[in-house]
């Protein structure tokens, strides 16, 4: 990602590249909200509609420290149906959530209002909070996981990594910006990726709703071996081997959980993954 912001800001949270933070222009600005809790922000206009969103600043928020950012996109049912990433990130990340365009669900179009909503939330964060622009992460459950996959395709240049629980793919990933184009010499966009999907989920099937194809796409883009992932904690996660340095792909396939959000596993696995980058 391109640089910018306050060069004097301290590095972000724990992780392999934390000393290489890219501070935003909001570094140095005092927080304008309570710490250690969800605080609703002034609405953001997107295509004529005012959009609702919240920010969680760490209890020990330091406006000169460039923090990783974790977006958590809710499942259908409303804005409270989200993976509570703030329970795992502690003092080491800023967590953000919003409300889907329909209030209960998100839309997944490549250039739809919810992709644009992500853009304006990120721009507001960069302007008013001290974030590490090189460590922006997305996570989502169900409908939110579908949005994560759309953002992986359309906004991969903004993301360091993503995690999803039970999603699918609604966009034509062959047309993702940065996909392989041999005649133009363009390489696929790489970013780290972790999937959590239950084998018994009949609401969003892993094979049939496109998550299997998204896994295959990321394995190819990151030059990972497509077979033989090695088990790691937390179980039942497994890491694919041979991926390009700093671009891991992990699959956590559970059984018997069906379409559950799996908060305990998701928060632990996703934050372990994100904070290692």
Protein backbone atom coordinates (compact mmCIF):
# COMPACT_ATOMS: atom_id res chain seq x y z
CA UNK A 1 0.00 0.00 0.00
CA UNK A 2 1.04 3.55 -0.50
CA UNK A 3 2.44 5.49 2.39
CA UNK A 4 1.13 8.60 4.03
CA UNK A 5 0.13 9.99 7.37
CA UNK A 6 2.23 10.84 10.37
CA UNK A 7 5.68 9.33 9.98
CA UNK A 8 6.25 9.74 13.69
CA UNK A 9 3.51 7.34 14.71
CA UNK A 10 4.55 4.24 16.57
CA UNK A 11 4.20 0.77 15.11
CA UNK A 12 0.94 -1.14 15.41
CA UNK A 13 0.00 -4.32 17.24
CA UNK A 14 1.82 -7.60 17.53
CA UNK A 15 2.72 -9.35 14.30
CA UNK A 16 5.51 -10.29 11.98
CA UNK A 17 5.61 -6.89 10.28
CA UNK A 18 4.43 -4.62 13.08
CA UNK A 19 7.58 -2.47 12.83
CA UNK A 20 6.71 -1.61 9.23
CA UNK A 21 3.45 0.18 9.97
CA UNK A 22 2.08 2.68 7.47
CA UNK A 23 0.45 5.34 9.71
CA UNK A 24 -2.68 7.17 8.61
CA UNK A 25 -3.13 10.94 8.63
CA UNK A 26 -5.32 10.55 11.72
CA UNK A 27 -2.33 9.64 13.88
CA UNK A 28 -1.83 12.23 16.60
CA UNK A 29 -5.52 13.16 16.78
CA UNK A 30 -7.15 12.73 20.19
CA UNK A 31 -9.96 10.15 20.27
CA UNK A 32 -13.42 11.69 20.10
CA UNK A 33 -15.21 8.76 21.72
CA UNK A 34 -15.23 6.51 24.76
CA UNK A 35 -12.60 3.76 24.85
CA UNK A 36 -13.12 0.03 25.29
CA UNK A 37 -16.72 0.00 24.05
CA UNK A 38 -18.75 0.15 20.88
CA UNK A 39 -19.55 3.76 20.00
CA UNK A 40 -21.93 4.62 17.18
CA UNK A 41 -20.42 7.13 14.78
CA UNK A 42 -22.05 9.95 12.81
CA UNK A 43 -23.75 8.39 9.80
CA UNK A 44 -21.89 8.28 6.51
CA UNK A 45 -23.68 9.14 3.25
CA UNK A 46 -23.44 6.50 0.54
CA UNK A 47 -25.45 7.01 -2.64
CA UNK A 48 -28.00 9.18 -0.89
CA UNK A 49 -28.51 6.93 2.15
CA UNK A 50 -27.06 7.63 5.60
CA UNK A 51 -25.24 4.53 6.81
CA UNK A 52 -24.96 3.41 10.43
CA UNK A 53 -21.63 2.23 11.84
CA UNK A 54 -19.66 1.75 15.07
CA UNK A 55 -16.00 1.84 16.16
CA UNK A 56 -14.36 0.01 19.07
CA UNK A 57 -11.19 1.75 20.22
CA UNK A 58 -8.93 -0.22 22.59
CA UNK A 59 -9.21 0.70 26.27
CA UNK A 60 -5.59 1.82 26.12
CA UNK A 61 -5.87 3.60 22.79
CA UNK A 62 -2.74 5.62 22.03
CA UNK A 63 -3.29 8.20 19.25
CA UNK A 64 0.37 7.98 18.23
CA UNK A 65 0.30 4.19 17.72
CA UNK A 66 -0.74 2.91 14.30
CA UNK A 67 -3.25 0.12 15.00
CA UNK A 68 -4.35 -2.71 12.74
CA UNK A 69 -8.04 -2.44 11.80
CA UNK A 70 -10.47 -5.37 11.81
CA UNK A 71 -13.83 -4.93 10.09
CA UNK A 72 -16.49 -7.40 11.27
CA UNK A 73 -19.49 -7.72 8.94
CA UNK A 74 -22.70 -9.11 10.39
CA UNK A 75 -24.88 -11.96 9.16
CA UNK A 76 -28.51 -11.56 8.13
CA UNK A 77 -30.74 -10.63 11.02
CA UNK A 78 -29.33 -7.24 11.84
CA UNK A 79 -26.18 -5.41 12.89
CA UNK A 80 -25.82 -7.26 16.21
CA UNK A 81 -25.28 -10.62 14.47
CA UNK A 82 -21.51 -10.16 14.17
CA UNK A 83 -18.34 -12.03 15.16
CA UNK A 84 -17.18 -10.18 18.33
CA UNK A 85 -13.59 -9.69 17.25
CA UNK A 86 -13.00 -7.09 19.99
CA UNK A 87 -13.03 -9.94 22.52
CA UNK A 88 -9.82 -11.27 20.98
CA UNK A 89 -8.04 -8.15 19.77
CA UNK A 90 -7.82 -6.51 23.21
CA UNK A 91 -5.58 -3.43 23.14
CA UNK A 92 -3.98 -4.37 19.84
CA UNK A 93 -6.51 -3.38 17.15
CA UNK A 94 -9.36 -1.08 16.24
CA UNK A 95 -12.54 -2.98 15.39
CA UNK A 96 -15.25 -1.62 13.09
CA UNK A 97 -18.76 -2.73 12.17
CA UNK A 98 -21.68 -1.31 10.23
CA UNK A 99 -25.22 -2.05 9.11
CA UNK A 100 -25.98 -3.67 5.77
CA UNK A 101 -27.86 -1.71 3.14
CA UNK A 102 -31.07 -3.65 3.85
CA UNK A 103 -30.51 -3.45 7.64
CA UNK A 104 -30.66 -7.23 7.91
CA UNK A 105 -28.25 -8.30 5.15
CA UNK A 106 -25.49 -6.95 2.90
CA UNK A 107 -25.38 -6.68 -0.87
CA UNK A 108 -22.56 -8.31 -2.78
CA UNK A 109 -22.38 -6.54 -6.13
CA UNK A 110 -18.89 -5.70 -7.33
CA UNK A 111 -19.67 -1.98 -7.40
CA UNK A 112 -22.63 -1.96 -5.03
CA UNK A 113 -23.46 0.34 -2.15
CA UNK A 114 -21.84 -1.91 0.47
CA UNK A 115 -18.49 -1.98 -1.30
CA UNK A 116 -18.71 1.81 -1.38
CA UNK A 117 -19.71 1.81 2.29
CA UNK A 118 -16.50 -0.03 3.11
CA UNK A 119 -14.60 2.64 1.18
CA UNK A 120 -16.07 5.54 3.13
CA UNK A 121 -15.67 3.82 6.51
CA UNK A 122 -12.01 3.17 5.76
CA UNK A 123 -11.47 6.73 4.55
CA UNK A 124 -13.06 8.13 7.73
CA UNK A 125 -10.86 5.90 9.88
CA UNK A 126 -7.72 6.99 8.07
CA UNK A 127 -8.64 10.65 8.54
CA UNK A 128 -9.63 10.54 12.21
CA UNK A 129 -7.97 7.54 13.88
CA UNK A 130 -4.41 6.27 14.05
CA UNK A 131 -4.48 3.15 11.92
CA UNK A 132 -1.86 1.06 10.18
CA UNK A 133 -2.88 1.32 6.53
CA UNK A 134 -0.85 -1.79 5.71
CA UNK A 135 -2.86 -3.95 8.13
CA UNK A 136 -6.53 -3.65 7.26
CA UNK A 137 -8.44 -6.89 7.81
CA UNK A 138 -12.01 -7.98 7.07
CA UNK A 139 -14.03 -10.67 8.79
CA UNK A 140 -17.62 -11.69 8.32
CA UNK A 141 -20.30 -14.24 9.10
CA UNK A 142 -22.85 -15.59 6.61
CA UNK A 143 -24.09 -12.54 4.66
CA UNK A 144 -21.03 -10.69 5.98
CA UNK A 145 -18.82 -13.49 4.69
CA UNK A 146 -20.29 -13.09 1.22
CA UNK A 147 -19.36 -9.40 1.46
CA UNK A 148 -15.85 -10.35 2.59
CA UNK A 149 -15.43 -12.41 -0.58
CA UNK A 150 -16.67 -9.50 -2.71
CA UNK A 151 -14.21 -7.16 -1.01
CA UNK A 152 -11.42 -9.70 -1.51
CA UNK A 153 -12.12 -9.47 -5.21
CA UNK A 154 -12.83 -5.74 -5.54
CA UNK A 155 -10.68 -4.24 -2.78
CA UNK A 156 -7.85 -6.72 -2.41
CA UNK A 157 -5.37 -3.86 -2.81
CA UNK A 158 -6.67 -2.38 0.48
CA UNK A 159 -6.49 -5.61 2.50
CA UNK A 160 -3.72 -7.47 4.31
CA UNK A 161 -5.94 -10.42 5.11
CA UNK A 162 -9.47 -11.68 5.58
CA UNK A 163 -11.43 -14.29 7.52
CA UNK A 164 -14.92 -15.65 6.94
CA UNK A 165 -17.43 -17.93 8.63
CA UNK A 166 -19.86 -19.66 6.28
CA UNK A 167 -19.99 -17.56 3.15
CA UNK A 168 -20.16 -17.77 -0.60
CA UNK A 169 -19.17 -15.93 -3.76
CA UNK A 170 -21.55 -13.68 -5.70
CA UNK A 171 -19.15 -11.93 -8.09
CA UNK A 172 -17.32 -13.20 -11.15
CA UNK A 173 -13.87 -13.67 -9.65
CA UNK A 174 -12.33 -14.07 -13.10
CA UNK A 175 -12.89 -10.31 -13.45
CA UNK A 176 -11.35 -9.28 -10.11
CA UNK A 177 -8.97 -6.32 -10.50
CA UNK A 178 -5.44 -7.66 -10.54
CA UNK A 179 -6.38 -11.15 -11.67
CA UNK A 180 -3.89 -12.90 -13.90
CA UNK A 181 -3.69 -11.35 -17.34
CA UNK A 182 -0.78 -12.94 -19.20
CA UNK A 183 -0.95 -10.51 -22.12
CA UNK A 184 -0.69 -7.53 -19.78
CA UNK A 185 1.78 -9.15 -17.40
CA UNK A 186 -0.57 -8.63 -14.44
CA UNK A 187 -0.30 -11.01 -11.49
CA UNK A 188 -3.21 -11.99 -9.21
CA UNK A 189 -3.56 -9.89 -6.06
CA UNK A 190 -2.22 -11.70 -3.01
CA UNK A 191 -3.42 -11.35 0.58
CA UNK A 192 -3.60 -13.65 3.57
CA UNK A 193 -6.81 -15.65 3.99
CA UNK A 194 -8.47 -17.84 6.62
CA UNK A 195 -11.73 -19.74 6.10
CA UNK A 196 -14.01 -21.24 8.76
CA UNK A 197 -16.80 -23.37 7.34
CA UNK A 198 -18.80 -26.27 8.75
CA UNK A 199 -19.12 -29.40 6.65
CA UNK A 200 -22.76 -29.76 7.73
CA UNK A 201 -23.79 -26.20 6.88
CA UNK A 202 -26.75 -26.50 4.49
CA UNK A 203 -27.57 -22.77 4.53
CA UNK A 204 -24.30 -21.79 2.84
CA UNK A 205 -22.72 -24.95 1.50
CA UNK A 206 -18.95 -24.89 1.17
CA UNK A 207 -19.20 -26.64 -2.18
CA UNK A 208 -22.02 -25.11 -4.16
CA UNK A 209 -21.99 -21.53 -2.92
CA UNK A 210 -18.51 -20.79 -4.18
CA UNK A 211 -16.32 -20.83 -1.07
CA UNK A 212 -14.49 -23.88 -2.42
CA UNK A 213 -13.68 -21.89 -5.56
CA UNK A 214 -12.57 -18.88 -3.52
CA UNK A 215 -10.22 -21.14 -1.55
CA UNK A 216 -8.82 -22.52 -4.81
CA UNK A 217 -8.41 -18.98 -6.19
CA UNK A 218 -6.40 -17.84 -3.16
CA UNK A 219 -4.27 -20.98 -3.14
CA UNK A 220 -3.36 -20.32 -6.77
CA UNK A 221 -2.77 -16.59 -6.29
CA UNK A 222 -0.55 -17.18 -3.25
CA UNK A 223 1.23 -20.13 -4.92
CA UNK A 224 0.28 -22.57 -2.15
CA UNK A 225 0.26 -26.34 -2.48
CA UNK A 226 -3.43 -27.28 -3.00
CA UNK A 227 -3.20 -30.42 -0.89
CA UNK A 228 -1.72 -31.52 2.43
CA UNK A 229 -2.53 -28.63 4.79
CA UNK A 230 -0.83 -29.06 8.16
CA UNK A 231 -3.02 -28.98 11.33
CA UNK A 232 -2.42 -26.10 13.73
CA UNK A 233 -4.04 -24.49 16.77
CA UNK A 234 -6.81 -23.78 17.29
CA UNK A 235 -8.15 -27.11 16.01
CA UNK A 236 -9.45 -27.99 13.48
CA UNK A 237 -7.54 -25.36 11.51
CA UNK A 238 -4.91 -26.40 8.97
CA UNK A 239 -2.35 -24.31 7.09
CA UNK A 240 -1.54 -24.87 3.43
CA UNK A 241 2.12 -25.26 2.64
CA UNK A 242 4.39 -23.52 0.15
CA UNK A 243 2.50 -20.22 0.09
CA UNK A 244 4.41 -17.08 -0.77
CA UNK A 245 6.09 -15.50 2.23
CA UNK A 246 3.62 -13.54 4.35
CA UNK A 247 0.63 -14.77 2.32
CA UNK A 248 -0.66 -17.82 4.24
CA UNK A 249 -3.95 -19.59 3.61
CA UNK A 250 -5.66 -21.49 6.44
CA UNK A 251 -8.81 -23.63 6.40
CA UNK A 252 -10.76 -24.44 9.56
CA UNK A 253 -13.39 -27.04 8.66
CA UNK A 254 -15.67 -28.02 11.51
CA UNK A 255 -18.44 -30.63 11.63
CA UNK A 256 -21.79 -30.68 13.40
CA UNK A 257 -21.98 -26.90 13.90
CA UNK A 258 -24.09 -26.27 10.78
CA UNK A 259 -24.71 -22.54 10.23
CA UNK A 260 -23.49 -21.44 13.64
CA UNK A 261 -21.37 -18.28 13.97
CA UNK A 262 -18.80 -20.19 16.08
CA UNK A 263 -17.68 -17.08 17.96
CA UNK A 264 -15.14 -18.78 20.24
CA UNK A 265 -13.28 -20.51 17.42
CA UNK A 266 -13.66 -17.65 14.95
CA UNK A 267 -12.33 -14.90 17.21
CA UNK A 268 -9.37 -16.97 18.40
CA UNK A 269 -8.42 -18.33 14.98
CA UNK A 270 -8.90 -15.07 13.10
CA UNK A 271 -6.98 -12.90 15.54
CA UNK A 272 -4.12 -15.40 15.82
CA UNK A 273 -3.94 -15.33 12.04
CA UNK A 274 -4.24 -11.55 11.62
CA UNK A 275 -1.83 -10.67 14.42
CA UNK A 276 0.86 -12.91 12.91
CA UNK A 277 0.98 -10.84 9.72
